[in-house]
Amino acid sequence: MAACALAAFVFCASYSIAARPAAAENDAAESPGVVAAPPAGMLDAGFHELYQLNFQGARAQFLSYQKAQPQDPLGKAAEAASYLFEQFNAKGVFTSAFFLDDEKLLGGVDGKPSENRNEAFLDANRRAREMARQWLQSNPRDAHGLLVLTLTDGMEADYVALIEKRQLASLSLIRQAESEAKNLLAVDSSAQDAYVALGAGNYILGCLPAYKRAFLWLGGMHGDRARGIQQMQLAAEHGHYLQPYAKILLALALEREHQTDRARVIFSGLASEFPANPIYARELALLGRAAGKP
């Protein structure tokens, strides 16, 4: 379930994803702890470094943001994302070799859970969730808090499925993250990053064997590969912090669906935008080699 939003892939956004960091002063005053740039620029810079695989540089930006905005749970959630992304990168999760292999995608990374335990991620993610819940006490419909909960629950679902290899246990977290994503979109329809969790969840569940999907259907969970791709496309086109992540998942999903021309276009764009990240160029080369192109 790694691709589930991360949900997960999850990563994150501001009050209205792209709009919140640039909010006017009176907007920022309504939610204590969140102000306009330059602090918000630290998040942009941090996520850019994250997609370049510069994990130390990304965390330096996220920690600086936390110092500038200590009450904002988004900074802690971003830090948690950096630890999980680093671990998944080390395990090859964001590659076609992993994503196109059902045994790996649906069975988890190599190694025992005890060997792969990521205390830094667990601590940062737990703290971010606690801060978000405190944030929502004054306004349960606050988009910023809902976004952080979507992110933290989506990331933990990925962790439980891939690292702890407890796929059934991860389903409740996936369901929770999807519910929070839907609530977020109901409050703020421009929060397109939420579609990463929804789209990845729909797609991955849709890839399960028929008997498992029937079991999940009885439990109220439905997978739809086509709808999942549509939702990831929305995040890839209109997301903010999670936009590159949505593109990674979308390209790999399209490759699974044998839509290699579309996947090639996405990887080409990612390789140009993040030249320090060798994954995108390597995946682009693999697609070209399979098609007999240079």
C-alpha atoms as a PDB file:
ATOM      1  CA  MET A   1       0.000   0.000   0.000  1.00  0.00           C
ATOM      2  CA  ALA A   2       3.015   2.297  -0.286  1.00  0.00           C
ATOM      3  CA  ALA A   3       1.521   4.352  -2.998  1.00  0.00           C
ATOM      4  CA  CYS A   4      -1.588   4.957  -0.960  1.00  0.00           C
ATOM      5  CA  ALA A   5      -1.259   8.045  -0.186  1.00  0.00           C
ATOM      6  CA  LEU A   6       1.442   8.251   0.855  1.00  0.00           C
ATOM      7  CA  ALA A   7      -0.167   8.762   0.951  1.00  0.00           C
ATOM      8  CA  ALA A   8       0.802   9.108   0.784  1.00  0.00           C
ATOM      9  CA  PHE A   9       2.028   9.110  -0.015  1.00  0.00           C
ATOM     10  CA  VAL A  10       0.875  11.178   1.331  1.00  0.00           C
ATOM     11  CA  PHE A  11       2.888  15.134   1.813  1.00  0.00           C
ATOM     12  CA  CYS A  12       1.070  18.416   2.506  1.00  0.00           C
ATOM     13  CA  ALA A  13      -0.391  21.796   1.876  1.00  0.00           C
ATOM     14  CA  SER A  14      -1.459  24.981   3.543  1.00  0.00           C
ATOM     15  CA  TYR A  15      -4.898  26.135   4.536  1.00  0.00           C
ATOM     16  CA  SER A  16      -6.227  25.947   0.998  1.00  0.00           C
ATOM     17  CA  ILE A  17      -3.198  24.060  -0.319  1.00  0.00           C
ATOM     18  CA  ALA A  18      -1.699  26.536  -2.763  1.00  0.00           C
ATOM     19  CA  ALA A  19      -3.617  29.562  -1.576  1.00  0.00           C
ATOM     20  CA  ARG A  20      -2.910  29.424   2.145  1.00  0.00           C
ATOM     21  CA  PRO A  21       0.811  30.266   2.078  1.00  0.00           C
ATOM     22  CA  ALA A  22       0.029  33.403   0.090  1.00  0.00           C
ATOM     23  CA  ALA A  23      -2.984  34.376   2.202  1.00  0.00           C
ATOM     24  CA  ALA A  24      -3.524  37.962   3.150  1.00  0.00           C
ATOM     25  CA  GLU A  25      -2.595  39.137   6.637  1.00  0.00           C
ATOM     26  CA  ASN A  26      -6.182  39.093   7.862  1.00  0.00           C
ATOM     27  CA  ASP A  27      -6.521  35.503   6.645  1.00  0.00           C
ATOM     28  CA  ALA A  28      -3.396  34.452   8.476  1.00  0.00           C
ATOM     29  CA  ALA A  29      -4.605  36.110  11.646  1.00  0.00           C
ATOM     30  CA  GLU A  30      -7.663  33.840  11.693  1.00  0.00           C
ATOM     31  CA  SER A  31      -5.485  30.727  12.190  1.00  0.00           C
ATOM     32  CA  PRO A  32      -2.810  31.367  14.828  1.00  0.00           C
ATOM     33  CA  GLY A  33       0.625  30.164  13.882  1.00  0.00           C
ATOM     34  CA  VAL A  34       0.200  30.404  10.104  1.00  0.00           C
ATOM     35  CA  VAL A  35       1.476  33.461   8.295  1.00  0.00           C
ATOM     36  CA  ALA A  36       2.446  34.330   4.759  1.00  0.00           C
ATOM     37  CA  ALA A  37       5.898  33.938   3.234  1.00  0.00           C
ATOM     38  CA  PRO A  38       8.799  33.816   3.987  1.00  0.00           C
ATOM     39  CA  PRO A  39       7.980  30.955   6.442  1.00  0.00           C
ATOM     40  CA  ALA A  40       5.735  29.287   3.866  1.00  0.00           C
ATOM     41  CA  GLY A  41       8.581  29.518   1.377  1.00  0.00           C
ATOM     42  CA  MET A  42      10.549  27.184   3.634  1.00  0.00           C
ATOM     43  CA  LEU A  43       7.983  24.466   2.998  1.00  0.00           C
ATOM     44  CA  ASP A  44       8.195  24.978  -0.760  1.00  0.00           C
ATOM     45  CA  ALA A  45      11.986  24.809  -0.598  1.00  0.00           C
ATOM     46  CA  GLY A  46      11.880  21.765   1.667  1.00  0.00           C
ATOM     47  CA  PHE A  47       9.586  19.788  -0.589  1.00  0.00           C
ATOM     48  CA  HIS A  48      11.657  20.721  -3.614  1.00  0.00           C
ATOM     49  CA  GLU A  49      14.715  19.265  -1.874  1.00  0.00           C
ATOM     50  CA  LEU A  50      12.681  16.206  -0.896  1.00  0.00           C
ATOM     51  CA  TYR A  51      11.859  15.459  -4.536  1.00  0.00           C
ATOM     52  CA  GLN A  52      15.538  15.970  -5.352  1.00  0.00           C
ATOM     53  CA  LEU A  53      16.308  13.238  -2.770  1.00  0.00           C
ATOM     54  CA  ASN A  54      18.219  15.749  -0.628  1.00  0.00           C
ATOM     55  CA  PHE A  55      16.666  14.569   2.619  1.00  0.00           C
ATOM     56  CA  GLN A  56      18.981  16.416   4.984  1.00  0.00           C
ATOM     57  CA  GLY A  57      18.415  19.665   3.100  1.00  0.00           C
ATOM     58  CA  ALA A  58      14.665  19.114   3.138  1.00  0.00           C
ATOM     59  CA  ARG A  59      14.609  18.520   6.885  1.00  0.00           C
ATOM     60  CA  ALA A  60      16.699  21.607   7.501  1.00  0.00           C
ATOM     61  CA  GLN A  61      13.985  23.669   5.790  1.00  0.00           C
ATOM     62  CA  PHE A  62      11.191  21.905   7.657  1.00  0.00           C
ATOM     63  CA  LEU A  63      12.903  22.397  11.017  1.00  0.00           C
ATOM     64  CA  SER A  64      13.411  26.089  10.231  1.00  0.00           C
ATOM     65  CA  TYR A  65       9.694  26.326   9.459  1.00  0.00           C
ATOM     66  CA  GLN A  66       8.864  24.690  12.780  1.00  0.00           C
ATOM     67  CA  LYS A  67      10.936  27.287  14.612  1.00  0.00           C
ATOM     68  CA  ALA A  68       9.169  30.087  12.727  1.00  0.00           C
ATOM     69  CA  GLN A  69       5.701  28.512  13.136  1.00  0.00           C
ATOM     70  CA  PRO A  70       5.836  26.285  16.247  1.00  0.00           C
ATOM     71  CA  GLN A  71       2.056  25.912  16.501  1.00  0.00           C
ATOM     72  CA  ASP A  72       1.550  24.733  12.928  1.00  0.00           C
ATOM     73  CA  PRO A  73       1.302  20.908  12.649  1.00  0.00           C
ATOM     74  CA  LEU A  74       2.191  21.050   8.967  1.00  0.00           C
ATOM     75  CA  GLY A  75       5.877  21.565   9.715  1.00  0.00           C
ATOM     76  CA  LYS A  76       6.016  18.406  11.818  1.00  0.00           C
ATOM     77  CA  ALA A  77       4.048  16.455   9.207  1.00  0.00           C
ATOM     78  CA  ALA A  78       6.522  17.570   6.545  1.00  0.00           C
ATOM     79  CA  GLU A  79       9.387  16.358   8.730  1.00  0.00           C
ATOM     80  CA  ALA A  80       7.658  12.983   9.129  1.00  0.00           C
ATOM     81  CA  ALA A  81       7.207  12.784   5.369  1.00  0.00           C
ATOM     82  CA  SER A  82      10.928  13.314   4.861  1.00  0.00           C
ATOM     83  CA  TYR A  83      11.808  10.311   7.038  1.00  0.00           C
ATOM     84  CA  LEU A  84       9.287   8.032   5.333  1.00  0.00           C
ATOM     85  CA  PHE A  85      10.205   9.205   1.833  1.00  0.00           C
ATOM     86  CA  GLU A  86      13.873   8.583   2.578  1.00  0.00           C
ATOM     87  CA  GLN A  87      13.170   5.055   3.764  1.00  0.00           C
ATOM     88  CA  PHE A  88      10.952   4.254   0.783  1.00  0.00           C
ATOM     89  CA  ASN A  89      13.583   5.608  -1.573  1.00  0.00           C
ATOM     90  CA  ALA A  90      16.200   3.364   0.023  1.00  0.00           C
ATOM     91  CA  LYS A  91      13.877   0.381  -0.497  1.00  0.00           C
ATOM     92  CA  GLY A  92      13.143   1.269  -4.133  1.00  0.00           C
ATOM     93  CA  VAL A  93       9.427   1.849  -3.594  1.00  0.00           C
ATOM     94  CA  PHE A  94       9.162   4.694  -6.107  1.00  0.00           C
ATOM     95  CA  THR A  95      10.356   2.640  -9.065  1.00  0.00           C
ATOM     96  CA  SER A  96       8.681   0.509 -11.693  1.00  0.00           C
ATOM     97  CA  ALA A  97      10.632  -2.527 -10.406  1.00  0.00           C
ATOM     98  CA  PHE A  98       8.624  -2.241  -7.179  1.00  0.00           C
ATOM     99  CA  PHE A  99       5.340  -0.765  -8.398  1.00  0.00           C
ATOM    100  CA  LEU A 100       4.844  -3.196 -11.284  1.00  0.00           C
ATOM    101  CA  ASP A 101       5.549  -6.241  -9.127  1.00  0.00           C
ATOM    102  CA  ASP A 102       2.330  -7.307  -7.374  1.00  0.00           C
ATOM    103  CA  GLU A 103       4.240  -9.338  -4.805  1.00  0.00           C
ATOM    104  CA  LYS A 104       6.227  -6.282  -3.755  1.00  0.00           C
ATOM    105  CA  LEU A 105       3.515  -3.644  -4.136  1.00  0.00           C
ATOM    106  CA  LEU A 106       0.974  -5.643  -2.154  1.00  0.00           C
ATOM    107  CA  GLY A 107       3.398  -7.481   0.118  1.00  0.00           C
ATOM    108  CA  GLY A 108       5.794  -4.870   1.470  1.00  0.00           C
ATOM    109  CA  VAL A 109       9.490  -4.046   1.347  1.00  0.00           C
ATOM    110  CA  ASP A 110      12.366  -6.451   1.867  1.00  0.00           C
ATOM    111  CA  GLY A 111      13.465  -7.157   5.416  1.00  0.00           C
ATOM    112  CA  LYS A 112      11.766  -7.851   8.724  1.00  0.00           C
ATOM    113  CA  PRO A 113       9.543  -5.156  10.287  1.00  0.00           C
ATOM    114  CA  SER A 114      11.818  -4.995  13.329  1.00  0.00           C
ATOM    115  CA  GLU A 115      14.803  -4.336  11.078  1.00  0.00           C
ATOM    116  CA  ASN A 116      13.000  -1.606   9.175  1.00  0.00           C
ATOM    117  CA  ARG A 117      11.366   0.171  12.107  1.00  0.00           C
ATOM    118  CA  ASN A 118      11.513   3.954  11.612  1.00  0.00           C
ATOM    119  CA  GLU A 119      11.310   5.640  15.018  1.00  0.00           C
ATOM    120  CA  ALA A 120      12.010   9.113  13.628  1.00  0.00           C
ATOM    121  CA  PHE A 121       8.999   8.875  11.323  1.00  0.00           C
ATOM    122  CA  LEU A 122       6.712   7.422  13.987  1.00  0.00           C
ATOM    123  CA  ASP A 123       7.585  10.128  16.536  1.00  0.00           C
ATOM    124  CA  ALA A 124       7.225  13.041  14.093  1.00  0.00           C
ATOM    125  CA  ASN A 125       4.002  11.672  12.604  1.00  0.00           C
ATOM    126  CA  ARG A 126       2.424  11.101  16.024  1.00  0.00           C
ATOM    127  CA  ARG A 127       3.300  14.634  17.115  1.00  0.00           C
ATOM    128  CA  ALA A 128       1.901  16.133  13.913  1.00  0.00           C
ATOM    129  CA  ARG A 129      -1.377  14.261  14.380  1.00  0.00           C
ATOM    130  CA  GLU A 130      -1.686  15.415  17.989  1.00  0.00           C
ATOM    131  CA  MET A 131      -1.064  19.028  16.997  1.00  0.00           C
ATOM    132  CA  ALA A 132      -3.631  18.807  14.179  1.00  0.00           C
ATOM    133  CA  ARG A 133      -6.283  17.455  16.522  1.00  0.00           C
ATOM    134  CA  GLN A 134      -5.615  20.294  18.946  1.00  0.00           C
ATOM    135  CA  TRP A 135      -5.862  22.723  16.030  1.00  0.00           C
ATOM    136  CA  LEU A 136      -9.270  21.287  15.047  1.00  0.00           C
ATOM    137  CA  GLN A 137     -10.725  21.600  18.525  1.00  0.00           C
ATOM    138  CA  SER A 138     -11.570  25.248  17.918  1.00  0.00           C
ATOM    139  CA  ASN A 139     -12.855  24.628  14.385  1.00  0.00           C
ATOM    140  CA  PRO A 140     -13.528  21.011  13.276  1.00  0.00           C
ATOM    141  CA  ARG A 141     -13.949  22.208   9.682  1.00  0.00           C
ATOM    142  CA  ASP A 142     -10.594  23.933   9.461  1.00  0.00           C
ATOM    143  CA  ALA A 143      -9.049  22.856   6.132  1.00  0.00           C
ATOM    144  CA  HIS A 144      -5.488  23.181   7.399  1.00  0.00           C
ATOM    145  CA  GLY A 145      -6.038  20.752  10.260  1.00  0.00           C
ATOM    146  CA  LEU A 146      -7.968  18.333   8.059  1.00  0.00           C
ATOM    147  CA  LEU A 147      -5.140  18.329   5.563  1.00  0.00           C
ATOM    148  CA  VAL A 148      -2.563  17.408   8.203  1.00  0.00           C
ATOM    149  CA  LEU A 149      -4.759  14.573   9.491  1.00  0.00           C
ATOM    150  CA  THR A 150      -5.188  13.303   5.925  1.00  0.00           C
ATOM    151  CA  LEU A 151      -1.437  13.383   5.493  1.00  0.00           C
ATOM    152  CA  THR A 152      -0.490  11.741   8.798  1.00  0.00           C
ATOM    153  CA  ASP A 153      -3.076   8.964   8.569  1.00  0.00           C
ATOM    154  CA  GLY A 154      -2.179   8.304   4.946  1.00  0.00           C
ATOM    155  CA  MET A 155       1.527   8.078   5.745  1.00  0.00           C
ATOM    156  CA  GLU A 156       0.937   5.762   8.681  1.00  0.00           C
ATOM    157  CA  ALA A 157      -1.218   3.543   6.470  1.00  0.00           C
ATOM    158  CA  ASP A 158       1.721   3.285   4.081  1.00  0.00           C
ATOM    159  CA  TYR A 159       4.098   2.544   6.944  1.00  0.00           C
ATOM    160  CA  VAL A 160       1.894  -0.149   8.473  1.00  0.00           C
ATOM    161  CA  ALA A 161       1.361  -1.834   5.100  1.00  0.00           C
ATOM    162  CA  LEU A 162       4.897  -1.672   3.725  1.00  0.00           C
ATOM    163  CA  ILE A 163       7.178  -1.649   6.761  1.00  0.00           C
ATOM    164  CA  GLU A 164       5.172  -3.591   9.330  1.00  0.00           C
ATOM    165  CA  LYS A 165       3.555  -5.664   6.546  1.00  0.00           C
ATOM    166  CA  ARG A 166       0.143  -5.588   8.223  1.00  0.00           C
ATOM    167  CA  GLN A 167      -2.038  -4.885   5.198  1.00  0.00           C
ATOM    168  CA  LEU A 168      -5.353  -5.493   6.932  1.00  0.00           C
ATOM    169  CA  ALA A 169      -4.398  -3.168   9.793  1.00  0.00           C
ATOM    170  CA  SER A 170      -3.524  -0.471   7.272  1.00  0.00           C
ATOM    171  CA  LEU A 171      -7.016  -0.563   5.758  1.00  0.00           C
ATOM    172  CA  SER A 172      -8.621   1.224   8.702  1.00  0.00           C
ATOM    173  CA  LEU A 173      -6.057   4.011   8.367  1.00  0.00           C
ATOM    174  CA  ILE A 174      -6.679   4.198   4.629  1.00  0.00           C
ATOM    175  CA  ARG A 175     -10.400   4.467   5.270  1.00  0.00           C
ATOM    176  CA  GLN A 176      -9.769   7.197   7.854  1.00  0.00           C
ATOM    177  CA  ALA A 177      -7.465   9.157   5.540  1.00  0.00           C
ATOM    178  CA  GLU A 178      -9.995   8.929   2.708  1.00  0.00           C
ATOM    179  CA  SER A 179     -12.763  10.199   4.997  1.00  0.00           C
ATOM    180  CA  GLU A 180     -10.603  13.134   6.062  1.00  0.00           C
ATOM    181  CA  ALA A 181      -9.698  13.872   2.438  1.00  0.00           C
ATOM    182  CA  LYS A 182     -13.381  13.969   1.489  1.00  0.00           C
ATOM    183  CA  ASN A 183     -14.138  16.278   4.435  1.00  0.00           C
ATOM    184  CA  LEU A 184     -11.262  18.514   3.376  1.00  0.00           C
ATOM    185  CA  LEU A 185     -12.537  18.762  -0.204  1.00  0.00           C
ATOM    186  CA  ALA A 186     -16.045  19.500   1.059  1.00  0.00           C
ATOM    187  CA  VAL A 187     -14.624  22.447   3.023  1.00  0.00           C
ATOM    188  CA  ASP A 188     -12.184  23.598   0.347  1.00  0.00           C
ATOM    189  CA  SER A 189     -12.632  22.248  -3.185  1.00  0.00           C
ATOM    190  CA  SER A 190      -9.313  23.805  -4.222  1.00  0.00           C
ATOM    191  CA  ALA A 191      -7.411  21.447  -1.904  1.00  0.00           C
ATOM    192  CA  GLN A 192      -6.452  19.222  -4.804  1.00  0.00           C
ATOM    193  CA  ASP A 193      -3.586  17.560  -2.935  1.00  0.00           C
ATOM    194  CA  ALA A 194      -6.259  15.554  -1.115  1.00  0.00           C
ATOM    195  CA  TYR A 195      -6.846  13.608  -4.316  1.00  0.00           C
ATOM    196  CA  VAL A 196      -3.474  11.896  -3.863  1.00  0.00           C
ATOM    197  CA  ALA A 197      -4.826   9.831  -0.956  1.00  0.00           C
ATOM    198  CA  LEU A 198      -8.159   9.207  -2.664  1.00  0.00           C
ATOM    199  CA  GLY A 199      -6.656   8.332  -6.037  1.00  0.00           C
ATOM    200  CA  ALA A 200      -3.862   6.116  -4.777  1.00  0.00           C
ATOM    201  CA  GLY A 201      -6.229   4.310  -2.423  1.00  0.00           C
ATOM    202  CA  ASN A 202      -8.743   3.667  -5.194  1.00  0.00           C
ATOM    203  CA  TYR A 203      -6.063   2.451  -7.568  1.00  0.00           C
ATOM    204  CA  ILE A 204      -4.171   0.160  -5.206  1.00  0.00           C
ATOM    205  CA  LEU A 205      -7.334  -1.454  -3.845  1.00  0.00           C
ATOM    206  CA  GLY A 206      -8.458  -1.928  -7.428  1.00  0.00           C
ATOM    207  CA  CYS A 207      -5.268  -3.881  -8.119  1.00  0.00           C
ATOM    208  CA  LEU A 208      -6.021  -6.479  -5.455  1.00  0.00           C
ATOM    209  CA  PRO A 209      -7.160  -9.967  -6.513  1.00  0.00           C
ATOM    210  CA  ALA A 210     -10.904 -10.326  -7.012  1.00  0.00           C
ATOM    211  CA  TYR A 211     -11.466 -12.378  -3.858  1.00  0.00           C
ATOM    212  CA  LYS A 212      -9.736  -9.757  -1.719  1.00  0.00           C
ATOM    213  CA  ARG A 213     -11.710  -6.952  -3.333  1.00  0.00           C
ATOM    214  CA  ALA A 214     -14.922  -8.859  -2.599  1.00  0.00           C
ATOM    215  CA  PHE A 215     -13.877  -9.146   1.043  1.00  0.00           C
ATOM    216  CA  LEU A 216     -13.144  -5.403   1.197  1.00  0.00           C
ATOM    217  CA  TRP A 217     -16.431  -4.611  -0.524  1.00  0.00           C
ATOM    218  CA  LEU A 218     -18.285  -6.329   2.303  1.00  0.00           C
ATOM    219  CA  GLY A 219     -16.337  -4.117   4.700  1.00  0.00           C
ATOM    220  CA  GLY A 220     -17.415  -0.970   2.868  1.00  0.00           C
ATOM    221  CA  MET A 221     -14.158  -0.338   0.988  1.00  0.00           C
ATOM    222  CA  HIS A 222     -14.182  -0.136  -2.796  1.00  0.00           C
ATOM    223  CA  GLY A 223     -11.341  -0.004  -5.261  1.00  0.00           C
ATOM    224  CA  ASP A 224     -11.598   1.506  -8.734  1.00  0.00           C
ATOM    225  CA  ARG A 225      -8.456   1.678 -10.850  1.00  0.00           C
ATOM    226  CA  ALA A 226      -9.875   4.008 -13.502  1.00  0.00           C
ATOM    227  CA  ARG A 227     -11.262   6.429 -10.937  1.00  0.00           C
ATOM    228  CA  GLY A 228      -7.992   6.262  -9.012  1.00  0.00           C
ATOM    229  CA  ILE A 229      -6.074   7.370 -12.091  1.00  0.00           C
ATOM    230  CA  GLN A 230      -8.522  10.237 -12.654  1.00  0.00           C
ATOM    231  CA  GLN A 231      -8.087  11.431  -9.081  1.00  0.00           C
ATOM    232  CA  MET A 232      -4.295  11.216  -9.222  1.00  0.00           C
ATOM    233  CA  GLN A 233      -4.467  13.186 -12.476  1.00  0.00           C
ATOM    234  CA  LEU A 234      -6.305  15.991 -10.649  1.00  0.00           C
ATOM    235  CA  ALA A 235      -3.593  16.155  -7.988  1.00  0.00           C
ATOM    236  CA  ALA A 236      -0.873  15.989 -10.636  1.00  0.00           C
ATOM    237  CA  GLU A 237      -2.416  18.932 -12.498  1.00  0.00           C
ATOM    238  CA  HIS A 238      -3.620  21.129  -9.648  1.00  0.00           C
ATOM    239  CA  GLY A 239      -1.852  20.023  -6.452  1.00  0.00           C
ATOM    240  CA  HIS A 240       0.760  22.097  -4.683  1.00  0.00           C
ATOM    241  CA  TYR A 241       3.214  20.412  -2.302  1.00  0.00           C
ATOM    242  CA  LEU A 242       2.072  16.938  -3.373  1.00  0.00           C
ATOM    243  CA  GLN A 243       1.943  17.661  -7.089  1.00  0.00           C
ATOM    244  CA  PRO A 244       5.292  15.990  -7.970  1.00  0.00           C
ATOM    245  CA  TYR A 245       4.423  13.037  -5.748  1.00  0.00           C
ATOM    246  CA  ALA A 246       1.079  12.661  -7.521  1.00  0.00           C
ATOM    247  CA  LYS A 247       2.937  12.687 -10.830  1.00  0.00           C
ATOM    248  CA  ILE A 248       5.240   9.880  -9.673  1.00  0.00           C
ATOM    249  CA  LEU A 249       2.304   7.700  -8.646  1.00  0.00           C
ATOM    250  CA  LEU A 250       0.338   8.557 -11.779  1.00  0.00           C
ATOM    251  CA  ALA A 251       3.240   7.710 -14.097  1.00  0.00           C
ATOM    252  CA  LEU A 252       3.799   4.353 -12.393  1.00  0.00           C
ATOM    253  CA  ALA A 253       0.072   3.565 -12.478  1.00  0.00           C
ATOM    254  CA  LEU A 254      -0.073   4.432 -16.187  1.00  0.00           C
ATOM    255  CA  GLU A 255       2.885   2.149 -16.775  1.00  0.00           C
ATOM    256  CA  ARG A 256       0.999  -0.662 -15.043  1.00  0.00           C
ATOM    257  CA  GLU A 257      -1.931   0.049 -17.347  1.00  0.00           C
ATOM    258  CA  HIS A 258       0.376  -0.118 -20.405  1.00  0.00           C
ATOM    259  CA  GLN A 259      -0.158   3.574 -21.166  1.00  0.00           C
ATOM    260  CA  THR A 260       3.556   4.078 -21.597  1.00  0.00           C
ATOM    261  CA  ASP A 261       3.380   7.157 -23.807  1.00  0.00           C
ATOM    262  CA  ARG A 262       1.570   9.098 -21.077  1.00  0.00           C
ATOM    263  CA  ALA A 263       3.949   7.766 -18.438  1.00  0.00           C
ATOM    264  CA  ARG A 264       6.940   8.823 -20.561  1.00  0.00           C
ATOM    265  CA  VAL A 265       5.683  12.414 -20.797  1.00  0.00           C
ATOM    266  CA  ILE A 266       5.307  12.640 -17.014  1.00  0.00           C
ATOM    267  CA  PHE A 267       8.729  11.162 -16.241  1.00  0.00           C
ATOM    268  CA  SER A 268      10.297  13.472 -18.807  1.00  0.00           C
ATOM    269  CA  GLY A 269       8.810  16.496 -17.052  1.00  0.00           C
ATOM    270  CA  LEU A 270       9.927  15.245 -13.626  1.00  0.00           C
ATOM    271  CA  ALA A 271      13.459  14.583 -14.876  1.00  0.00           C
ATOM    272  CA  SER A 272      13.672  18.159 -16.161  1.00  0.00           C
ATOM    273  CA  GLU A 273      12.232  19.672 -12.986  1.00  0.00           C
ATOM    274  CA  PHE A 274      14.358  17.610 -10.576  1.00  0.00           C
ATOM    275  CA  PRO A 275      17.644  16.860 -12.364  1.00  0.00           C
ATOM    276  CA  ALA A 276      19.401  15.760  -9.156  1.00  0.00           C
ATOM    277  CA  ASN A 277      16.957  12.872  -8.740  1.00  0.00           C
ATOM    278  CA  PRO A 278      18.198   9.901 -10.810  1.00  0.00           C
ATOM    279  CA  ILE A 279      14.960   7.921 -10.470  1.00  0.00           C
ATOM    280  CA  TYR A 280      13.032   9.911 -13.064  1.00  0.00           C
ATOM    281  CA  ALA A 281      15.754   9.800 -15.696  1.00  0.00           C
ATOM    282  CA  ARG A 282      16.278   6.084 -15.073  1.00  0.00           C
ATOM    283  CA  GLU A 283      12.565   5.303 -15.411  1.00  0.00           C
ATOM    284  CA  LEU A 284      12.447   7.402 -18.572  1.00  0.00           C
ATOM    285  CA  ALA A 285      15.380   5.432 -19.984  1.00  0.00           C
ATOM    286  CA  LEU A 286      13.700   2.124 -19.123  1.00  0.00           C
ATOM    287  CA  LEU A 287      10.538   3.183 -20.942  1.00  0.00           C
ATOM    288  CA  GLY A 288      12.533   4.269 -23.959  1.00  0.00           C
ATOM    289  CA  ARG A 289      14.494   1.014 -24.023  1.00  0.00           C
ATOM    290  CA  ALA A 290      11.284  -1.025 -23.823  1.00  0.00           C
ATOM    291  CA  ALA A 291       9.879   0.925 -26.765  1.00  0.00           C
ATOM    292  CA  GLY A 292      13.095   0.654 -28.754  1.00  0.00           C
ATOM    293  CA  LYS A 293      13.719   4.394 -28.535  1.00  0.00           C
ATOM    294  CA  PRO A 294      16.932   6.207 -27.517  1.00  0.00           C
END
